PDB file of N, CA and C in Angstrom:
ATOM      1  N   MET A   1     -31.427   6.868 -10.018  1.00  0.00           N
ATOM      2  CA  MET A   1     -32.450   6.821  -9.001  1.00  0.00           C
ATOM      3  C   MET A   1     -32.280   8.038  -8.097  1.00  0.00           C
ATOM      4  N   TYR A   2     -33.371   8.711  -7.821  1.00  0.00           N
ATOM      5  CA  TYR A   2     -33.324   9.914  -6.999  1.00  0.00           C
ATOM      6  C   TYR A   2     -33.855   9.615  -5.601  1.00  0.00           C
ATOM      7  N   PHE A   3     -33.146  10.105  -4.595  1.00  0.00           N
ATOM      8  CA  PHE A   3     -33.579   9.999  -3.207  1.00  0.00           C
ATOM      9  C   PHE A   3     -33.601  11.394  -2.599  1.00  0.00           C
ATOM     10  N   SER A   4     -34.629  11.667  -1.814  1.00  0.00           N
ATOM     11  CA  SER A   4     -34.678  12.937  -1.102  1.00  0.00           C
ATOM     12  C   SER A   4     -33.635  12.910   0.012  1.00  0.00           C
ATOM     13  N   GLU A   5     -33.366  14.059   0.586  1.00  0.00           N
ATOM     14  CA  GLU A   5     -32.383  14.129   1.675  1.00  0.00           C
ATOM     15  C   GLU A   5     -32.819  13.272   2.867  1.00  0.00           C
ATOM     16  N   LYS A   6     -34.116  13.258   3.159  1.00  0.00           N
ATOM     17  CA  LYS A   6     -34.615  12.434   4.265  1.00  0.00           C
ATOM     18  C   LYS A   6     -34.431  10.949   3.965  1.00  0.00           C
ATOM     19  N   GLU A   7     -34.683  10.551   2.735  1.00  0.00           N
ATOM     20  CA  GLU A   7     -34.496   9.146   2.341  1.00  0.00           C
ATOM     21  C   GLU A   7     -33.020   8.761   2.437  1.00  0.00           C
ATOM     22  N   LYS A   8     -32.149   9.645   1.996  1.00  0.00           N
ATOM     23  CA  LYS A   8     -30.713   9.387   2.094  1.00  0.00           C
ATOM     24  C   LYS A   8     -30.282   9.220   3.551  1.00  0.00           C
ATOM     25  N   LEU A   9     -30.833  10.055   4.422  1.00  0.00           N
ATOM     26  CA  LEU A   9     -30.507   9.979   5.837  1.00  0.00           C
ATOM     27  C   LEU A   9     -30.951   8.650   6.434  1.00  0.00           C
ATOM     28  N   VAL A  10     -32.153   8.213   6.107  1.00  0.00           N
ATOM     29  CA  VAL A  10     -32.668   6.949   6.624  1.00  0.00           C
ATOM     30  C   VAL A  10     -31.825   5.779   6.123  1.00  0.00           C
ATOM     31  N   ILE A  11     -31.476   5.794   4.859  1.00  0.00           N
ATOM     32  CA  ILE A  11     -30.658   4.717   4.295  1.00  0.00           C
ATOM     33  C   ILE A  11     -29.283   4.699   4.951  1.00  0.00           C
ATOM     34  N   SER A  12     -28.687   5.865   5.118  1.00  0.00           N
ATOM     35  CA  SER A  12     -27.374   5.950   5.754  1.00  0.00           C
ATOM     36  C   SER A  12     -27.416   5.432   7.192  1.00  0.00           C
ATOM     37  N   GLU A  13     -28.460   5.796   7.928  1.00  0.00           N
ATOM     38  CA  GLU A  13     -28.596   5.319   9.306  1.00  0.00           C
ATOM     39  C   GLU A  13     -28.815   3.807   9.347  1.00  0.00           C
ATOM     40  N   ALA A  14     -29.577   3.282   8.397  1.00  0.00           N
ATOM     41  CA  ALA A  14     -29.791   1.835   8.334  1.00  0.00           C
ATOM     42  C   ALA A  14     -28.486   1.105   8.039  1.00  0.00           C
ATOM     43  N   LEU A  15     -27.674   1.669   7.168  1.00  0.00           N
ATOM     44  CA  LEU A  15     -26.370   1.071   6.876  1.00  0.00           C
ATOM     45  C   LEU A  15     -25.475   1.085   8.119  1.00  0.00           C
ATOM     46  N   GLN A  16     -25.518   2.186   8.863  1.00  0.00           N
ATOM     47  CA  GLN A  16     -24.730   2.275  10.089  1.00  0.00           C
ATOM     48  C   GLN A  16     -25.184   1.230  11.100  1.00  0.00           C
ATOM     49  N   LEU A  17     -26.483   1.035  11.231  1.00  0.00           N
ATOM     50  CA  LEU A  17     -27.004   0.019  12.149  1.00  0.00           C
ATOM     51  C   LEU A  17     -26.558  -1.382  11.732  1.00  0.00           C
ATOM     52  N   LEU A  18     -26.591  -1.675  10.441  1.00  0.00           N
ATOM     53  CA  LEU A  18     -26.134  -2.968   9.947  1.00  0.00           C
ATOM     54  C   LEU A  18     -24.648  -3.155  10.232  1.00  0.00           C
ATOM     55  N   TRP A  19     -23.865  -2.113   9.980  1.00  0.00           N
ATOM     56  CA  TRP A  19     -22.424  -2.154  10.252  1.00  0.00           C
ATOM     57  C   TRP A  19     -22.177  -2.483  11.729  1.00  0.00           C
ATOM     58  N   ASP A  20     -22.888  -1.766  12.602  1.00  0.00           N
ATOM     59  CA  ASP A  20     -22.715  -1.964  14.042  1.00  0.00           C
ATOM     60  C   ASP A  20     -23.199  -3.338  14.482  1.00  0.00           C
ATOM     61  N   GLU A  21     -24.339  -3.776  13.943  1.00  0.00           N
ATOM     62  CA  GLU A  21     -24.897  -5.076  14.314  1.00  0.00           C
ATOM     63  C   GLU A  21     -23.947  -6.209  13.951  1.00  0.00           C
ATOM     64  N   ARG A  22     -23.306  -6.088  12.817  1.00  0.00           N
ATOM     65  CA  ARG A  22     -22.370  -7.124  12.362  1.00  0.00           C
ATOM     66  C   ARG A  22     -20.976  -6.962  12.960  1.00  0.00           C
ATOM     67  N   GLY A  23     -20.736  -5.846  13.644  1.00  0.00           N
ATOM     68  CA  GLY A  23     -19.440  -5.625  14.278  1.00  0.00           C
ATOM     69  C   GLY A  23     -18.288  -5.580  13.293  1.00  0.00           C
ATOM     70  N   LEU A  24     -18.438  -4.822  12.243  1.00  0.00           N
ATOM     71  CA  LEU A  24     -17.452  -4.806  11.164  1.00  0.00           C
ATOM     72  C   LEU A  24     -16.259  -3.888  11.420  1.00  0.00           C
ATOM     73  N   ASP A  25     -16.216  -3.247  12.574  1.00  0.00           N
ATOM     74  CA  ASP A  25     -15.102  -2.343  12.880  1.00  0.00           C
ATOM     75  C   ASP A  25     -13.754  -3.044  12.958  1.00  0.00           C
ATOM     76  N   TYR A  26     -13.759  -4.347  13.139  1.00  0.00           N
ATOM     77  CA  TYR A  26     -12.495  -5.081  13.274  1.00  0.00           C
ATOM     78  C   TYR A  26     -11.752  -5.235  11.948  1.00  0.00           C
ATOM     79  N   LEU A  27     -12.436  -5.031  10.839  1.00  0.00           N
ATOM     80  CA  LEU A  27     -11.820  -5.247   9.528  1.00  0.00           C
ATOM     81  C   LEU A  27     -10.771  -4.184   9.219  1.00  0.00           C
ATOM     82  N   SER A  28      -9.746  -4.600   8.513  1.00  0.00           N
ATOM     83  CA  SER A  28      -8.706  -3.657   8.102  1.00  0.00           C
ATOM     84  C   SER A  28      -8.838  -3.377   6.608  1.00  0.00           C
ATOM     85  N   LEU A  29      -8.233  -2.277   6.197  1.00  0.00           N
ATOM     86  CA  LEU A  29      -8.230  -1.893   4.787  1.00  0.00           C
ATOM     87  C   LEU A  29      -6.944  -2.342   4.123  1.00  0.00           C
ATOM     88  N   ASP A  30      -7.047  -2.808   2.880  1.00  0.00           N
ATOM     89  CA  ASP A  30      -5.846  -3.156   2.141  1.00  0.00           C
ATOM     90  C   ASP A  30      -5.289  -1.902   1.459  1.00  0.00           C
ATOM     91  N   ASP A  31      -4.266  -2.064   0.655  1.00  0.00           N
ATOM     92  CA  ASP A  31      -3.619  -0.925  -0.013  1.00  0.00           C
ATOM     93  C   ASP A  31      -4.538  -0.216  -1.010  1.00  0.00           C
ATOM     94  N   ASN A  32      -5.581  -0.903  -1.447  1.00  0.00           N
ATOM     95  CA  ASN A  32      -6.524  -0.329  -2.412  1.00  0.00           C
ATOM     96  C   ASN A  32      -7.739   0.298  -1.744  1.00  0.00           C
ATOM     97  N   GLY A  33      -7.735   0.340  -0.411  1.00  0.00           N
ATOM     98  CA  GLY A  33      -8.856   0.929   0.312  1.00  0.00           C
ATOM     99  C   GLY A  33     -10.062   0.023   0.430  1.00  0.00           C
ATOM    100  N   LYS A  34      -9.849  -1.281   0.256  1.00  0.00           N
ATOM    101  CA  LYS A  34     -10.919  -2.269   0.377  1.00  0.00           C
ATOM    102  C   LYS A  34     -10.765  -3.019   1.691  1.00  0.00           C
ATOM    103  N   TYR A  35     -11.898  -3.347   2.301  1.00  0.00           N
ATOM    104  CA  TYR A  35     -11.863  -4.146   3.524  1.00  0.00           C
ATOM    105  C   TYR A  35     -11.512  -5.576   3.158  1.00  0.00           C
ATOM    106  N   CYS A  36     -10.712  -6.210   4.017  1.00  0.00           N
ATOM    107  CA  CYS A  36     -10.288  -7.574   3.726  1.00  0.00           C
ATOM    108  C   CYS A  36     -10.154  -8.372   5.017  1.00  0.00           C
ATOM    109  N   ASP A  37     -10.446  -9.652   4.899  1.00  0.00           N
ATOM    110  CA  ASP A  37     -10.244 -10.597   5.993  1.00  0.00           C
ATOM    111  C   ASP A  37     -10.332 -11.986   5.397  1.00  0.00           C
ATOM    112  N   SER A  38      -9.204 -12.677   5.332  1.00  0.00           N
ATOM    113  CA  SER A  38      -9.184 -13.995   4.706  1.00  0.00           C
ATOM    114  C   SER A  38      -9.949 -15.038   5.515  1.00  0.00           C
ATOM    115  N   ASP A  39     -10.098 -14.809   6.821  1.00  0.00           N
ATOM    116  CA  ASP A  39     -10.851 -15.751   7.649  1.00  0.00           C
ATOM    117  C   ASP A  39     -12.359 -15.552   7.527  1.00  0.00           C
ATOM    118  N   TYR A  40     -12.793 -14.331   7.268  1.00  0.00           N
ATOM    119  CA  TYR A  40     -14.217 -14.004   7.165  1.00  0.00           C
ATOM    120  C   TYR A  40     -14.471 -13.165   5.910  1.00  0.00           C
ATOM    121  N   PRO A  41     -14.328 -13.767   4.739  1.00  0.00           N
ATOM    122  CA  PRO A  41     -14.487 -12.991   3.497  1.00  0.00           C
ATOM    123  C   PRO A  41     -15.890 -12.421   3.314  1.00  0.00           C
ATOM    124  N   ALA A  42     -16.906 -13.080   3.860  1.00  0.00           N
ATOM    125  CA  ALA A  42     -18.270 -12.556   3.734  1.00  0.00           C
ATOM    126  C   ALA A  42     -18.414 -11.230   4.483  1.00  0.00           C
ATOM    127  N   ASP A  43     -17.751 -11.119   5.634  1.00  0.00           N
ATOM    128  CA  ASP A  43     -17.776  -9.851   6.380  1.00  0.00           C
ATOM    129  C   ASP A  43     -17.092  -8.752   5.581  1.00  0.00           C
ATOM    130  N   ALA A  44     -15.958  -9.080   4.981  1.00  0.00           N
ATOM    131  CA  ALA A  44     -15.239  -8.084   4.186  1.00  0.00           C
ATOM    132  C   ALA A  44     -16.073  -7.662   2.981  1.00  0.00           C
ATOM    133  N   ASP A  45     -16.728  -8.612   2.346  1.00  0.00           N
ATOM    134  CA  ASP A  45     -17.580  -8.302   1.198  1.00  0.00           C
ATOM    135  C   ASP A  45     -18.720  -7.381   1.611  1.00  0.00           C
ATOM    136  N   LEU A  46     -19.383  -7.697   2.724  1.00  0.00           N
ATOM    137  CA  LEU A  46     -20.469  -6.854   3.222  1.00  0.00           C
ATOM    138  C   LEU A  46     -19.961  -5.456   3.560  1.00  0.00           C
ATOM    139  N   ALA A  47     -18.815  -5.367   4.204  1.00  0.00           N
ATOM    140  CA  ALA A  47     -18.240  -4.067   4.556  1.00  0.00           C
ATOM    141  C   ALA A  47     -17.952  -3.238   3.307  1.00  0.00           C
ATOM    142  N   ASN A  48     -17.453  -3.873   2.266  1.00  0.00           N
ATOM    143  CA  ASN A  48     -17.171  -3.155   1.022  1.00  0.00           C
ATOM    144  C   ASN A  48     -18.460  -2.679   0.351  1.00  0.00           C
ATOM    145  N   ILE A  49     -19.507  -3.489   0.416  1.00  0.00           N
ATOM    146  CA  ILE A  49     -20.795  -3.083  -0.149  1.00  0.00           C
ATOM    147  C   ILE A  49     -21.349  -1.893   0.619  1.00  0.00           C
ATOM    148  N   ILE A  50     -21.342  -1.976   1.938  1.00  0.00           N
ATOM    149  CA  ILE A  50     -21.835  -0.875   2.768  1.00  0.00           C
ATOM    150  C   ILE A  50     -21.032   0.390   2.490  1.00  0.00           C
ATOM    151  N   ASN A  51     -19.728   0.257   2.400  1.00  0.00           N
ATOM    152  CA  ASN A  51     -18.870   1.412   2.141  1.00  0.00           C
ATOM    153  C   ASN A  51     -19.196   2.052   0.788  1.00  0.00           C
ATOM    154  N   ARG A  52     -19.405   1.235  -0.251  1.00  0.00           N
ATOM    155  CA  ARG A  52     -19.771   1.777  -1.565  1.00  0.00           C
ATOM    156  C   ARG A  52     -21.109   2.512  -1.488  1.00  0.00           C
ATOM    157  N   LEU A  53     -22.074   1.943  -0.753  1.00  0.00           N
ATOM    158  CA  LEU A  53     -23.366   2.602  -0.617  1.00  0.00           C
ATOM    159  C   LEU A  53     -23.243   3.918   0.145  1.00  0.00           C
ATOM    160  N   TRP A  54     -22.433   3.929   1.210  1.00  0.00           N
ATOM    161  CA  TRP A  54     -22.202   5.181   1.951  1.00  0.00           C
ATOM    162  C   TRP A  54     -21.625   6.246   1.035  1.00  0.00           C
ATOM    163  N   ASN A  55     -20.686   5.842   0.196  1.00  0.00           N
ATOM    164  CA  ASN A  55     -20.080   6.800  -0.727  1.00  0.00           C
ATOM    165  C   ASN A  55     -21.114   7.339  -1.721  1.00  0.00           C
ATOM    166  N   TYR A  56     -22.080   6.515  -2.068  1.00  0.00           N
ATOM    167  CA  TYR A  56     -23.138   6.936  -2.978  1.00  0.00           C
ATOM    168  C   TYR A  56     -24.058   7.959  -2.316  1.00  0.00           C
ATOM    169  N   PHE A  57     -24.327   7.746  -1.032  1.00  0.00           N
ATOM    170  CA  PHE A  57     -25.230   8.638  -0.326  1.00  0.00           C
ATOM    171  C   PHE A  57     -24.466   9.735   0.376  1.00  0.00           C
TER     172      PHE A  57
END
């Protein structure tokens, strides 16, 4: 799938807004570079998805 630079910028900014809205900065990284939290696994899963998308863009 091809995205223009402007589309990539918009997607990246939307991901940042989602990250901030959910307050995911509290999550820590494990030894494999994955976000983890045994009390809130859904937050860790979302953070890992956002991180993978950021790496793509």
